[in-house]
Amino acid sequence: MKVLFFAALRETMGQSELEILLEAPTTVAALKSMIKLPNGETLNAASRTQTIMTAVDQEMVDDSAMVSVASEVAFFPPVTGG
């Protein structure tokens, strides 16, 4: 599965993408628990103190959404336009 990081989250992670091998479908929340930030905190724990938005296969989803081994998942902070 391809995991993409955008904006400040990309800077925090120190990379723009990550490949994760899933053996079975899982939820976005479980996936966030698998991803470790450089400070050792999981992405799931970090999302309790900062808003992290998620898109699966280019559709906005919440943490209960399922992801498959072939999904593309993107994490990013809220964005504004103007």
PDB file of N, CA and C in Angstrom:
ATOM      1  N   MET A   1       0.842  -1.162   0.000  1.00  0.00           N
ATOM      2  CA  MET A   1       0.000   0.000   0.000  1.00  0.00           C
ATOM      3  C   MET A   1       0.893   1.232   0.000  1.00  0.00           C
ATOM      4  N   LYS A   2       0.474   2.226  -0.763  1.00  0.00           N
ATOM      5  CA  LYS A   2       1.224   3.481  -0.803  1.00  0.00           C
ATOM      6  C   LYS A   2       0.574   4.468   0.152  1.00  0.00           C
ATOM      7  N   VAL A   3       1.396   5.063   1.023  1.00  0.00           N
ATOM      8  CA  VAL A   3       0.940   6.084   1.961  1.00  0.00           C
ATOM      9  C   VAL A   3       1.665   7.377   1.599  1.00  0.00           C
ATOM     10  N   LEU A   4       0.897   8.440   1.398  1.00  0.00           N
ATOM     11  CA  LEU A   4       1.448   9.738   1.022  1.00  0.00           C
ATOM     12  C   LEU A   4       1.270  10.740   2.157  1.00  0.00           C
ATOM     13  N   PHE A   5       2.265  11.614   2.325  1.00  0.00           N
ATOM     14  CA  PHE A   5       2.211  12.666   3.337  1.00  0.00           C
ATOM     15  C   PHE A   5       2.338  14.012   2.633  1.00  0.00           C
ATOM     16  N   PHE A   6       1.514  14.982   3.036  1.00  0.00           N
ATOM     17  CA  PHE A   6       1.518  16.292   2.396  1.00  0.00           C
ATOM     18  C   PHE A   6       1.714  17.412   3.412  1.00  0.00           C
ATOM     19  N   ALA A   7       2.214  18.543   2.895  1.00  0.00           N
ATOM     20  CA  ALA A   7       2.366  19.793   3.646  1.00  0.00           C
ATOM     21  C   ALA A   7       3.225  19.594   4.895  1.00  0.00           C
ATOM     22  N   ALA A   8       2.804  20.151   6.020  1.00  0.00           N
ATOM     23  CA  ALA A   8       3.601  20.089   7.252  1.00  0.00           C
ATOM     24  C   ALA A   8       3.823  18.653   7.712  1.00  0.00           C
ATOM     25  N   LEU A   9       2.882  17.779   7.422  1.00  0.00           N
ATOM     26  CA  LEU A   9       3.040  16.377   7.810  1.00  0.00           C
ATOM     27  C   LEU A   9       4.195  15.727   7.047  1.00  0.00           C
ATOM     28  N   ARG A  10       4.384  16.105   5.796  1.00  0.00           N
ATOM     29  CA  ARG A  10       5.525  15.612   5.017  1.00  0.00           C
ATOM     30  C   ARG A  10       6.830  16.077   5.660  1.00  0.00           C
ATOM     31  N   GLU A  11       6.854  17.324   6.114  1.00  0.00           N
ATOM     32  CA  GLU A  11       8.050  17.848   6.780  1.00  0.00           C
ATOM     33  C   GLU A  11       8.313  17.103   8.082  1.00  0.00           C
ATOM     34  N   THR A  12       7.265  16.851   8.845  1.00  0.00           N
ATOM     35  CA  THR A  12       7.404  16.128  10.112  1.00  0.00           C
ATOM     36  C   THR A  12       7.930  14.723   9.881  1.00  0.00           C
ATOM     37  N   MET A  13       7.402  14.040   8.868  1.00  0.00           N
ATOM     38  CA  MET A  13       7.805  12.663   8.577  1.00  0.00           C
ATOM     39  C   MET A  13       9.189  12.592   7.939  1.00  0.00           C
ATOM     40  N   GLY A  14       9.599  13.670   7.274  1.00  0.00           N
ATOM     41  CA  GLY A  14      10.884  13.658   6.590  1.00  0.00           C
ATOM     42  C   GLY A  14      10.848  12.889   5.282  1.00  0.00           C
ATOM     43  N   GLN A  15       9.653  12.602   4.788  1.00  0.00           N
ATOM     44  CA  GLN A  15       9.482  11.901   3.515  1.00  0.00           C
ATOM     45  C   GLN A  15       8.078  12.161   2.984  1.00  0.00           C
ATOM     46  N   SER A  16       7.919  12.014   1.690  1.00  0.00           N
ATOM     47  CA  SER A  16       6.613  12.282   1.094  1.00  0.00           C
ATOM     48  C   SER A  16       5.777  11.025   0.909  1.00  0.00           C
ATOM     49  N   GLU A  17       6.420   9.864   0.919  1.00  0.00           N
ATOM     50  CA  GLU A  17       5.640   8.638   0.805  1.00  0.00           C
ATOM     51  C   GLU A  17       6.322   7.471   1.495  1.00  0.00           C
ATOM     52  N   LEU A  18       5.504   6.457   1.740  1.00  0.00           N
ATOM     53  CA  LEU A  18       5.933   5.281   2.482  1.00  0.00           C
ATOM     54  C   LEU A  18       5.187   4.087   1.904  1.00  0.00           C
ATOM     55  N   GLU A  19       5.865   2.962   1.758  1.00  0.00           N
ATOM     56  CA  GLU A  19       5.205   1.716   1.344  1.00  0.00           C
ATOM     57  C   GLU A  19       4.981   0.875   2.585  1.00  0.00           C
ATOM     58  N   ILE A  20       3.755   0.418   2.769  1.00  0.00           N
ATOM     59  CA  ILE A  20       3.425  -0.438   3.909  1.00  0.00           C
ATOM     60  C   ILE A  20       2.849  -1.733   3.363  1.00  0.00           C
ATOM     61  N   LEU A  21       3.341  -2.846   3.868  1.00  0.00           N
ATOM     62  CA  LEU A  21       2.835  -4.153   3.471  1.00  0.00           C
ATOM     63  C   LEU A  21       1.739  -4.575   4.425  1.00  0.00           C
ATOM     64  N   LEU A  22       0.531  -4.615   3.936  1.00  0.00           N
ATOM     65  CA  LEU A  22      -0.594  -5.089   4.740  1.00  0.00           C
ATOM     66  C   LEU A  22      -0.890  -6.524   4.349  1.00  0.00           C
ATOM     67  N   GLU A  23      -1.226  -7.339   5.341  1.00  0.00           N
ATOM     68  CA  GLU A  23      -1.602  -8.717   5.048  1.00  0.00           C
ATOM     69  C   GLU A  23      -3.099  -8.850   4.825  1.00  0.00           C
ATOM     70  N   ALA A  24      -3.867  -7.894   5.338  1.00  0.00           N
ATOM     71  CA  ALA A  24      -5.325  -7.938   5.224  1.00  0.00           C
ATOM     72  C   ALA A  24      -5.860  -6.514   5.307  1.00  0.00           C
ATOM     73  N   PRO A  25      -7.074  -6.291   4.834  1.00  0.00           N
ATOM     74  CA  PRO A  25      -7.677  -4.962   4.967  1.00  0.00           C
ATOM     75  C   PRO A  25      -7.735  -4.533   6.436  1.00  0.00           C
ATOM     76  N   THR A  26      -7.666  -3.225   6.651  1.00  0.00           N
ATOM     77  CA  THR A  26      -7.693  -2.674   8.003  1.00  0.00           C
ATOM     78  C   THR A  26      -8.367  -1.308   7.966  1.00  0.00           C
ATOM     79  N   THR A  27      -8.569  -0.713   9.121  1.00  0.00           N
ATOM     80  CA  THR A  27      -9.173   0.618   9.173  1.00  0.00           C
ATOM     81  C   THR A  27      -8.093   1.697   9.078  1.00  0.00           C
ATOM     82  N   VAL A  28      -8.520   2.896   8.750  1.00  0.00           N
ATOM     83  CA  VAL A  28      -7.596   4.033   8.739  1.00  0.00           C
ATOM     84  C   VAL A  28      -7.000   4.222  10.132  1.00  0.00           C
ATOM     85  N   ALA A  29      -7.809   4.088  11.179  1.00  0.00           N
ATOM     86  CA  ALA A  29      -7.307   4.246  12.552  1.00  0.00           C
ATOM     87  C   ALA A  29      -6.205   3.238  12.852  1.00  0.00           C
ATOM     88  N   ALA A  30      -6.390   1.990  12.443  1.00  0.00           N
ATOM     89  CA  ALA A  30      -5.362   0.968  12.675  1.00  0.00           C
ATOM     90  C   ALA A  30      -4.105   1.274  11.873  1.00  0.00           C
ATOM     91  N   LEU A  31      -4.279   1.761  10.645  1.00  0.00           N
ATOM     92  CA  LEU A  31      -3.129   2.139   9.828  1.00  0.00           C
ATOM     93  C   LEU A  31      -2.360   3.269  10.498  1.00  0.00           C
ATOM     94  N   LYS A  32      -3.077   4.275  11.018  1.00  0.00           N
ATOM     95  CA  LYS A  32      -2.420   5.383  11.722  1.00  0.00           C
ATOM     96  C   LYS A  32      -1.621   4.881  12.922  1.00  0.00           C
ATOM     97  N   SER A  33      -2.089   3.821  13.551  1.00  0.00           N
ATOM     98  CA  SER A  33      -1.370   3.262  14.700  1.00  0.00           C
ATOM     99  C   SER A  33      -0.098   2.539  14.283  1.00  0.00           C
ATOM    100  N   MET A  34      -0.013   2.122  13.025  1.00  0.00           N
ATOM    101  CA  MET A  34       1.182   1.431  12.514  1.00  0.00           C
ATOM    102  C   MET A  34       2.281   2.406  12.108  1.00  0.00           C
ATOM    103  N   ILE A  35       1.908   3.648  11.817  1.00  0.00           N
ATOM    104  CA  ILE A  35       2.867   4.625  11.294  1.00  0.00           C
ATOM    105  C   ILE A  35       3.469   5.419  12.442  1.00  0.00           C
ATOM    106  N   LYS A  36       4.789   5.363  12.546  1.00  0.00           N
ATOM    107  CA  LYS A  36       5.511   6.069  13.611  1.00  0.00           C
ATOM    108  C   LYS A  36       6.112   7.365  13.075  1.00  0.00           C
ATOM    109  N   LEU A  37       5.925   8.435  13.834  1.00  0.00           N
ATOM    110  CA  LEU A  37       6.584   9.707  13.543  1.00  0.00           C
ATOM    111  C   LEU A  37       8.031   9.613  14.013  1.00  0.00           C
ATOM    112  N   PRO A  38       8.906  10.498  13.551  1.00  0.00           N
ATOM    113  CA  PRO A  38      10.300  10.466  13.992  1.00  0.00           C
ATOM    114  C   PRO A  38      10.479  10.567  15.511  1.00  0.00           C
ATOM    115  N   ASN A  39       9.527  11.196  16.217  1.00  0.00           N
ATOM    116  CA  ASN A  39       9.641  11.315  17.678  1.00  0.00           C
ATOM    117  C   ASN A  39       9.143  10.064  18.404  1.00  0.00           C
ATOM    118  N   GLY A  40       8.725   9.030  17.652  1.00  0.00           N
ATOM    119  CA  GLY A  40       8.271   7.783  18.252  1.00  0.00           C
ATOM    120  C   GLY A  40       6.775   7.701  18.468  1.00  0.00           C
ATOM    121  N   GLU A  41       6.097   8.829  18.368  1.00  0.00           N
ATOM    122  CA  GLU A  41       4.644   8.863  18.526  1.00  0.00           C
ATOM    123  C   GLU A  41       3.995   8.279  17.264  1.00  0.00           C
ATOM    124  N   THR A  42       2.859   7.611  17.430  1.00  0.00           N
ATOM    125  CA  THR A  42       2.161   7.110  16.248  1.00  0.00           C
ATOM    126  C   THR A  42       1.355   8.234  15.607  1.00  0.00           C
ATOM    127  N   LEU A  43       1.051   8.057  14.351  1.00  0.00           N
ATOM    128  CA  LEU A  43       0.228   9.038  13.654  1.00  0.00           C
ATOM    129  C   LEU A  43      -1.154   9.112  14.291  1.00  0.00           C
ATOM    130  N   ASN A  44      -1.637   7.998  14.810  1.00  0.00           N
ATOM    131  CA  ASN A  44      -2.932   7.976  15.487  1.00  0.00           C
ATOM    132  C   ASN A  44      -2.893   8.848  16.744  1.00  0.00           C
ATOM    133  N   ALA A  45      -1.833   8.741  17.531  1.00  0.00           N
ATOM    134  CA  ALA A  45      -1.699   9.562  18.739  1.00  0.00           C
ATOM    135  C   ALA A  45      -1.572  11.038  18.370  1.00  0.00           C
ATOM    136  N   ALA A  46      -0.823  11.330  17.326  1.00  0.00           N
ATOM    137  CA  ALA A  46      -0.648  12.721  16.897  1.00  0.00           C
ATOM    138  C   ALA A  46      -1.965  13.331  16.441  1.00  0.00           C
ATOM    139  N   SER A  47      -2.853  12.509  15.887  1.00  0.00           N
ATOM    140  CA  SER A  47      -4.122  13.048  15.386  1.00  0.00           C
ATOM    141  C   SER A  47      -5.074  13.434  16.512  1.00  0.00           C
ATOM    142  N   ARG A  48      -4.724  13.093  17.750  1.00  0.00           N
ATOM    143  CA  ARG A  48      -5.537  13.530  18.892  1.00  0.00           C
ATOM    144  C   ARG A  48      -5.254  14.984  19.255  1.00  0.00           C
ATOM    145  N   THR A  49      -4.063  15.471  18.899  1.00  0.00           N
ATOM    146  CA  THR A  49      -3.689  16.840  19.242  1.00  0.00           C
ATOM    147  C   THR A  49      -3.655  17.776  18.036  1.00  0.00           C
ATOM    148  N   GLN A  50      -3.678  17.216  16.837  1.00  0.00           N
ATOM    149  CA  GLN A  50      -3.722  18.042  15.635  1.00  0.00           C
ATOM    150  C   GLN A  50      -4.630  17.359  14.612  1.00  0.00           C
ATOM    151  N   THR A  51      -5.282  18.150  13.808  1.00  0.00           N
ATOM    152  CA  THR A  51      -6.185  17.594  12.812  1.00  0.00           C
ATOM    153  C   THR A  51      -5.384  17.026  11.654  1.00  0.00           C
ATOM    154  N   ILE A  52      -5.612  15.757  11.366  1.00  0.00           N
ATOM    155  CA  ILE A  52      -4.988  15.098  10.225  1.00  0.00           C
ATOM    156  C   ILE A  52      -6.118  14.541   9.363  1.00  0.00           C
ATOM    157  N   MET A  53      -6.191  15.029   8.150  1.00  0.00           N
ATOM    158  CA  MET A  53      -7.229  14.575   7.232  1.00  0.00           C
ATOM    159  C   MET A  53      -6.707  13.382   6.438  1.00  0.00           C
ATOM    160  N   THR A  54      -7.645  12.547   5.978  1.00  0.00           N
ATOM    161  CA  THR A  54      -7.271  11.323   5.275  1.00  0.00           C
ATOM    162  C   THR A  54      -8.077  11.174   3.994  1.00  0.00           C
ATOM    163  N   ALA A  55      -7.390  10.768   2.943  1.00  0.00           N
ATOM    164  CA  ALA A  55      -8.052  10.397   1.692  1.00  0.00           C
ATOM    165  C   ALA A  55      -7.592   8.987   1.325  1.00  0.00           C
ATOM    166  N   VAL A  56      -8.542   8.145   0.941  1.00  0.00           N
ATOM    167  CA  VAL A  56      -8.235   6.804   0.458  1.00  0.00           C
ATOM    168  C   VAL A  56      -8.660   6.753  -1.000  1.00  0.00           C
ATOM    169  N   ASP A  57      -7.705   6.438  -1.853  1.00  0.00           N
ATOM    170  CA  ASP A  57      -7.959   6.412  -3.296  1.00  0.00           C
ATOM    171  C   ASP A  57      -8.644   7.702  -3.750  1.00  0.00           C
ATOM    172  N   GLN A  58      -8.138   8.823  -3.228  1.00  0.00           N
ATOM    173  CA  GLN A  58      -8.543  10.186  -3.584  1.00  0.00           C
ATOM    174  C   GLN A  58      -9.962  10.548  -3.156  1.00  0.00           C
ATOM    175  N   GLU A  59     -10.483   9.864  -2.143  1.00  0.00           N
ATOM    176  CA  GLU A  59     -11.779  10.216  -1.547  1.00  0.00           C
ATOM    177  C   GLU A  59     -11.583  10.464  -0.066  1.00  0.00           C
ATOM    178  N   MET A  60     -12.124  11.586   0.433  1.00  0.00           N
ATOM    179  CA  MET A  60     -12.011  11.906   1.852  1.00  0.00           C
ATOM    180  C   MET A  60     -12.761  10.860   2.680  1.00  0.00           C
ATOM    181  N   VAL A  61     -12.113  10.413   3.768  1.00  0.00           N
ATOM    182  CA  VAL A  61     -12.704   9.388   4.633  1.00  0.00           C
ATOM    183  C   VAL A  61     -12.427   9.730   6.089  1.00  0.00           C
ATOM    184  N   ASP A  62     -13.112   9.010   6.997  1.00  0.00           N
ATOM    185  CA  ASP A  62     -12.810   9.156   8.417  1.00  0.00           C
ATOM    186  C   ASP A  62     -12.030   7.925   8.886  1.00  0.00           C
ATOM    187  N   ASP A  63     -11.705   7.898  10.165  1.00  0.00           N
ATOM    188  CA  ASP A  63     -10.849   6.834  10.700  1.00  0.00           C
ATOM    189  C   ASP A  63     -11.481   5.448  10.674  1.00  0.00           C
ATOM    190  N   SER A  64     -12.795   5.366  10.495  1.00  0.00           N
ATOM    191  CA  SER A  64     -13.446   4.056  10.460  1.00  0.00           C
ATOM    192  C   SER A  64     -13.427   3.423   9.066  1.00  0.00           C
ATOM    193  N   ALA A  65     -12.985   4.168   8.064  1.00  0.00           N
ATOM    194  CA  ALA A  65     -12.955   3.654   6.693  1.00  0.00           C
ATOM    195  C   ALA A  65     -11.967   2.501   6.571  1.00  0.00           C
ATOM    196  N   MET A  66     -12.302   1.569   5.710  1.00  0.00           N
ATOM    197  CA  MET A  66     -11.427   0.429   5.465  1.00  0.00           C
ATOM    198  C   MET A  66     -10.442   0.754   4.341  1.00  0.00           C
ATOM    199  N   VAL A  67      -9.230   0.225   4.482  1.00  0.00           N
ATOM    200  CA  VAL A  67      -8.223   0.322   3.431  1.00  0.00           C
ATOM    201  C   VAL A  67      -7.791  -1.092   3.074  1.00  0.00           C
ATOM    202  N   SER A  68      -7.485  -1.294   1.802  1.00  0.00           N
ATOM    203  CA  SER A  68      -7.058  -2.613   1.342  1.00  0.00           C
ATOM    204  C   SER A  68      -5.569  -2.591   1.038  1.00  0.00           C
ATOM    205  N   VAL A  69      -5.038  -3.741   0.716  1.00  0.00           N
ATOM    206  CA  VAL A  69      -3.612  -3.844   0.420  1.00  0.00           C
ATOM    207  C   VAL A  69      -3.239  -3.043  -0.827  1.00  0.00           C
ATOM    208  N   ALA A  70      -4.208  -2.746  -1.695  1.00  0.00           N
ATOM    209  CA  ALA A  70      -3.936  -2.005  -2.925  1.00  0.00           C
ATOM    210  C   ALA A  70      -4.312  -0.526  -2.834  1.00  0.00           C
ATOM    211  N   SER A  71      -4.743  -0.060  -1.672  1.00  0.00           N
ATOM    212  CA  SER A  71      -5.189   1.331  -1.520  1.00  0.00           C
ATOM    213  C   SER A  71      -4.026   2.311  -1.581  1.00  0.00           C
ATOM    214  N   GLU A  72      -4.345   3.541  -1.983  1.00  0.00           N
ATOM    215  CA  GLU A  72      -3.428   4.664  -1.844  1.00  0.00           C
ATOM    216  C   GLU A  72      -4.038   5.564  -0.777  1.00  0.00           C
ATOM    217  N   VAL A  73      -3.286   5.801   0.290  1.00  0.00           N
ATOM    218  CA  VAL A  73      -3.783   6.586   1.418  1.00  0.00           C
ATOM    219  C   VAL A  73      -2.949   7.854   1.529  1.00  0.00           C
ATOM    220  N   ALA A  74      -3.623   8.985   1.660  1.00  0.00           N
ATOM    221  CA  ALA A  74      -2.938  10.270   1.809  1.00  0.00           C
ATOM    222  C   ALA A  74      -3.343  10.909   3.129  1.00  0.00           C
ATOM    223  N   PHE A  75      -2.348  11.413   3.861  1.00  0.00           N
ATOM    224  CA  PHE A  75      -2.578  12.128   5.113  1.00  0.00           C
ATOM    225  C   PHE A  75      -2.093  13.559   4.939  1.00  0.00           C
ATOM    226  N   PHE A  76      -2.887  14.509   5.429  1.00  0.00           N
ATOM    227  CA  PHE A  76      -2.502  15.914   5.298  1.00  0.00           C
ATOM    228  C   PHE A  76      -3.258  16.758   6.307  1.00  0.00           C
ATOM    229  N   PRO A  77      -2.705  17.936   6.644  1.00  0.00           N
ATOM    230  CA  PRO A  77      -3.414  18.853   7.539  1.00  0.00           C
ATOM    231  C   PRO A  77      -4.548  19.526   6.773  1.00  0.00           C
ATOM    232  N   PRO A  78      -5.488  20.135   7.491  1.00  0.00           N
ATOM    233  CA  PRO A  78      -6.553  20.872   6.797  1.00  0.00           C
ATOM    234  C   PRO A  78      -5.949  21.952   5.906  1.00  0.00           C
ATOM    235  N   VAL A  79      -6.581  22.186   4.787  1.00  0.00           N
ATOM    236  CA  VAL A  79      -6.088  23.209   3.860  1.00  0.00           C
ATOM    237  C   VAL A  79      -7.153  24.280   3.681  1.00  0.00           C
ATOM    238  N   THR A  80      -6.692  25.479   3.423  1.00  0.00           N
ATOM    239  CA  THR A  80      -7.620  26.572   3.152  1.00  0.00           C
ATOM    240  C   THR A  80      -7.225  27.218   1.840  1.00  0.00           C
ATOM    241  N   GLY A  81      -8.156  27.820   1.231  1.00  0.00           N
ATOM    242  CA  GLY A  81      -7.877  28.509  -0.025  1.00  0.00           C
ATOM    243  C   GLY A  81      -8.273  29.968   0.099  1.00  0.00           C
ATOM    244  N   GLY A  82      -7.989  30.700  -0.908  1.00  0.00           N
ATOM    245  CA  GLY A  82      -8.416  32.079  -0.824  1.00  0.00           C
ATOM    246  C   GLY A  82      -7.899  32.926  -1.920  1.00  0.00           C
TER     247      GLY A  82
END
